[in-house]
């Protein structure tokens, strides 16, 4: 009788252990939830990183475009400065409307140059110094040529438009160092310190 009771008790214990093992083999709801939380967080994290990267890249491209337009406008203003004496010299009359148009263009050019000087200096101090030097070098010939052009009589013939070497000359030699410096404000060269810039041929 005692052996039978003991046998039944042992069998019950084995069944209980087997049931517990089977129950532990089945994943609980808590474990499943944790897995999905990890998956969702990973997906959200990757999308957030991708979004941030796209945003940063777009901002960098927009900044480069604005910088390129700013420098192009600055160089354009210097060239217009160098060309101004030729416009005055080639005027076709001294009528008030012609003189007023030339004077207005001169004032507009002064305003453009002032704005460009401020922008370039704020964008990069070293490039701003080179801009100032280019402007000063151009003005050494432009200012006297402009004064002389106003003193000349208007040109009324086609042959008179050929100035035969008159004028302040080619401004490009004064712009070469500035143009090389501007190239260092784009791409990987932006990270180079000023002392590594190669501004001479």
Protein backbone atom coordinates (compact mmCIF):
# COMPACT_ATOMS: atom_id res chain seq x y z
CA UNK A 1 0.00 0.00 0.00
CA UNK A 2 2.82 2.40 0.85
CA UNK A 3 4.62 1.57 -2.41
CA UNK A 4 1.53 2.39 -4.46
CA UNK A 5 1.09 5.77 -2.81
CA UNK A 6 4.76 6.58 -3.36
CA UNK A 7 4.53 5.63 -7.02
CA UNK A 8 1.50 7.85 -7.55
CA UNK A 9 3.26 10.76 -5.84
CA UNK A 10 6.36 10.35 -8.04
CA UNK A 11 4.25 10.23 -11.21
CA UNK A 12 2.42 13.38 -10.12
CA UNK A 13 5.69 15.17 -9.57
CA UNK A 14 6.96 14.16 -13.03
CA UNK A 15 3.75 15.37 -14.68
CA UNK A 16 4.01 18.66 -12.84
CA UNK A 17 7.64 19.14 -13.93
CA UNK A 18 6.77 18.23 -17.52
CA UNK A 19 3.89 20.71 -17.53
CA UNK A 20 6.10 23.44 -16.18
CA UNK A 21 8.75 22.78 -18.81
CA UNK A 22 6.17 22.86 -21.58
CA UNK A 23 4.75 26.11 -20.27
CA UNK A 24 8.20 27.71 -20.13
CA UNK A 25 8.89 26.62 -23.72
CA UNK A 26 6.02 28.79 -24.95
CA UNK A 27 7.06 32.50 -25.18
CA UNK A 28 5.18 34.76 -22.86
CA UNK A 29 3.29 37.86 -23.99
CA UNK A 30 5.82 40.05 -22.16
CA UNK A 31 8.76 38.67 -24.19
CA UNK A 32 6.88 39.10 -27.47
CA UNK A 33 6.04 42.69 -26.59
CA UNK A 34 9.67 43.46 -25.77
CA UNK A 35 10.82 42.14 -29.14
CA UNK A 36 8.31 44.30 -31.02
CA UNK A 37 9.32 47.35 -28.98
CA UNK A 38 12.96 46.82 -29.98
CA UNK A 39 12.01 46.38 -33.66
CA UNK A 40 9.82 49.50 -33.70
CA UNK A 41 12.47 51.60 -31.95
CA UNK A 42 15.11 50.42 -34.41
CA UNK A 43 12.90 51.34 -37.38
CA UNK A 44 12.04 54.72 -35.89
CA UNK A 45 15.68 55.38 -35.10
CA UNK A 46 16.82 54.63 -38.64
CA UNK A 47 14.10 56.81 -40.16
CA UNK A 48 14.93 59.69 -37.82
CA UNK A 49 18.64 59.43 -38.64
CA UNK A 50 17.87 59.28 -42.37
CA UNK A 51 15.59 62.31 -42.05
CA UNK A 52 18.21 64.28 -40.14
CA UNK A 53 20.89 63.36 -42.68
CA UNK A 54 18.67 64.44 -45.57
CA UNK A 55 17.86 67.70 -43.81
CA UNK A 56 21.50 68.47 -43.06
CA UNK A 57 22.54 67.63 -46.62
CA UNK A 58 19.81 69.86 -48.03
CA UNK A 59 20.85 72.74 -45.80
CA UNK A 60 24.48 72.37 -46.86
CA UNK A 61 23.51 72.43 -50.53
CA UNK A 62 21.32 75.50 -50.03
CA UNK A 63 24.12 77.28 -48.17
CA UNK A 64 26.62 76.44 -50.93
CA UNK A 65 24.21 77.76 -53.57
CA UNK A 66 23.70 81.01 -51.69
CA UNK A 67 27.46 81.35 -51.17
CA UNK A 68 28.12 80.73 -54.88
CA UNK A 69 25.57 83.37 -55.87
CA UNK A 70 27.04 85.83 -53.39
CA UNK A 71 30.56 85.48 -54.72
CA UNK A 72 29.38 85.58 -58.34
CA UNK A 73 27.60 88.84 -57.60
CA UNK A 74 30.71 90.23 -55.90
CA UNK A 75 32.94 89.47 -58.89
CA UNK A 76 30.27 90.79 -61.25
CA UNK A 77 30.23 94.08 -59.37
CA UNK A 78 34.01 94.45 -59.65
CA UNK A 79 33.84 93.85 -63.39
CA UNK A 80 31.03 96.40 -63.71
CA UNK A 81 33.22 98.87 -61.84
CA UNK A 82 36.03 98.32 -64.35
CA UNK A 83 33.60 98.71 -67.28
CA UNK A 84 31.98 101.90 -66.08
CA UNK A 85 34.50 104.34 -67.65
CA UNK A 86 33.84 102.75 -71.05
CA UNK A 87 30.11 103.37 -70.70
CA UNK A 88 30.76 107.02 -69.90
CA UNK A 89 33.24 107.40 -72.73
CA UNK A 90 30.89 105.81 -75.29
CA UNK A 91 27.88 107.98 -74.45
CA UNK A 92 26.26 109.28 -77.57
CA UNK A 93 25.22 112.69 -76.24
CA UNK A 94 25.30 115.01 -73.27
CA UNK A 95 21.54 115.24 -73.11
CA UNK A 96 20.20 115.35 -69.55
CA UNK A 97 18.49 111.97 -69.81
CA UNK A 98 21.71 110.28 -71.02
CA UNK A 99 23.78 111.89 -68.28
CA UNK A 100 21.14 111.04 -65.69
CA UNK A 101 21.12 107.37 -66.75
CA UNK A 102 24.91 107.15 -66.49
CA UNK A 103 24.94 108.89 -63.13
CA UNK A 104 22.20 106.59 -61.85
CA UNK A 105 24.16 103.56 -62.96
CA UNK A 106 27.19 104.88 -61.12
CA UNK A 107 25.20 105.29 -57.92
CA UNK A 108 23.69 101.80 -58.26
CA UNK A 109 27.15 100.38 -58.76
CA UNK A 110 28.41 102.09 -55.61
CA UNK A 111 25.54 100.55 -53.63
CA UNK A 112 26.18 97.10 -55.08
CA UNK A 113 29.86 97.30 -54.21
CA UNK A 114 29.09 98.40 -50.66
CA UNK A 115 26.71 95.48 -50.21
CA UNK A 116 29.22 93.03 -51.72
CA UNK A 117 32.03 94.29 -49.50
CA UNK A 118 29.91 93.71 -46.42
CA UNK A 119 28.74 90.27 -47.53
CA UNK A 120 32.20 88.98 -48.53
CA UNK A 121 33.81 90.27 -45.34
CA UNK A 122 31.14 88.55 -43.24
CA UNK A 123 31.40 85.30 -45.21
CA UNK A 124 35.19 85.05 -44.79
CA UNK A 125 37.57 87.69 -43.50
CA UNK A 126 40.55 86.66 -45.66
CA UNK A 127 38.46 86.67 -48.84
CA UNK A 128 37.07 90.03 -47.77
CA UNK A 129 40.61 91.41 -47.59
CA UNK A 130 41.32 90.12 -51.09
CA UNK A 131 38.10 91.70 -52.34
CA UNK A 132 39.17 95.04 -50.89
CA UNK A 133 42.58 94.73 -52.54
CA UNK A 134 41.05 93.85 -55.92
CA UNK A 135 38.72 96.85 -55.69
CA UNK A 136 41.56 99.19 -54.73
CA UNK A 137 43.75 97.91 -57.58
CA UNK A 138 40.94 98.34 -60.09
CA UNK A 139 40.19 101.85 -58.84
CA UNK A 140 43.78 102.98 -59.42
CA UNK A 141 42.99 103.07 -63.13
CA UNK A 142 39.19 103.27 -63.12
CA UNK A 143 38.86 106.53 -61.20
CA UNK A 144 41.15 108.62 -63.43
CA UNK A 145 39.71 106.99 -66.55
CA UNK A 146 36.16 107.82 -65.43
CA UNK A 147 37.11 111.45 -64.85
CA UNK A 148 38.72 111.63 -68.26
CA UNK A 149 35.68 110.00 -69.89
CA UNK A 150 33.35 112.65 -68.51
CA UNK A 151 35.61 115.35 -69.92
CA UNK A 152 35.61 113.83 -73.41
CA UNK A 153 33.02 114.80 -75.98
CA UNK A 154 30.23 112.33 -76.81
CA UNK A 155 30.81 109.80 -79.57
CA UNK A 156 28.44 110.13 -82.50
CA UNK A 157 30.00 107.80 -85.08
CA UNK A 158 30.52 104.06 -85.30
CA UNK A 159 34.26 104.43 -85.80
CA UNK A 160 34.43 106.59 -82.69
CA UNK A 161 33.25 103.62 -80.62
CA UNK A 162 36.65 102.05 -81.27
CA UNK A 163 38.62 103.60 -78.45
CA UNK A 164 42.01 102.42 -79.73
CA UNK A 165 43.41 101.32 -76.38
CA UNK A 166 41.83 104.06 -74.28
CA UNK A 167 40.60 103.03 -70.85
CA UNK A 168 41.62 101.45 -67.57
CA UNK A 169 42.59 98.15 -69.16
CA UNK A 170 41.86 94.53 -68.37
CA UNK A 171 40.69 94.00 -64.77
CA UNK A 172 41.34 90.24 -64.69
CA UNK A 173 44.92 90.43 -63.35
CA UNK A 174 43.49 92.18 -60.29
CA UNK A 175 40.89 89.44 -59.81
CA UNK A 176 43.08 86.35 -60.08
CA UNK A 177 44.00 86.03 -56.39
CA UNK A 178 40.39 86.69 -55.38
CA UNK A 179 39.09 84.03 -57.75
CA UNK A 180 41.54 81.45 -56.42
CA UNK A 181 40.55 82.29 -52.86
CA UNK A 182 36.86 81.91 -53.69
CA UNK A 183 37.54 78.37 -54.89
CA UNK A 184 38.60 77.51 -51.33
CA UNK A 185 35.14 78.38 -50.05
CA UNK A 186 33.56 75.34 -51.69
CA UNK A 187 33.81 71.56 -51.37
CA UNK A 188 36.46 69.84 -49.29
CA UNK A 189 38.78 72.84 -49.55
CA UNK A 190 36.55 74.77 -47.15
CA UNK A 191 38.21 72.93 -44.26
CA UNK A 192 41.71 74.09 -45.25
CA UNK A 193 43.17 76.91 -43.13
CA UNK A 194 44.11 80.16 -44.88
CA UNK A 195 47.84 79.35 -44.72
CA UNK A 196 47.33 76.39 -47.09
CA UNK A 197 45.66 78.43 -49.83
CA UNK A 198 47.59 78.58 -53.09
CA UNK A 199 46.77 82.01 -54.52
CA UNK A 200 49.72 82.41 -56.90
CA UNK A 201 50.38 80.57 -60.14
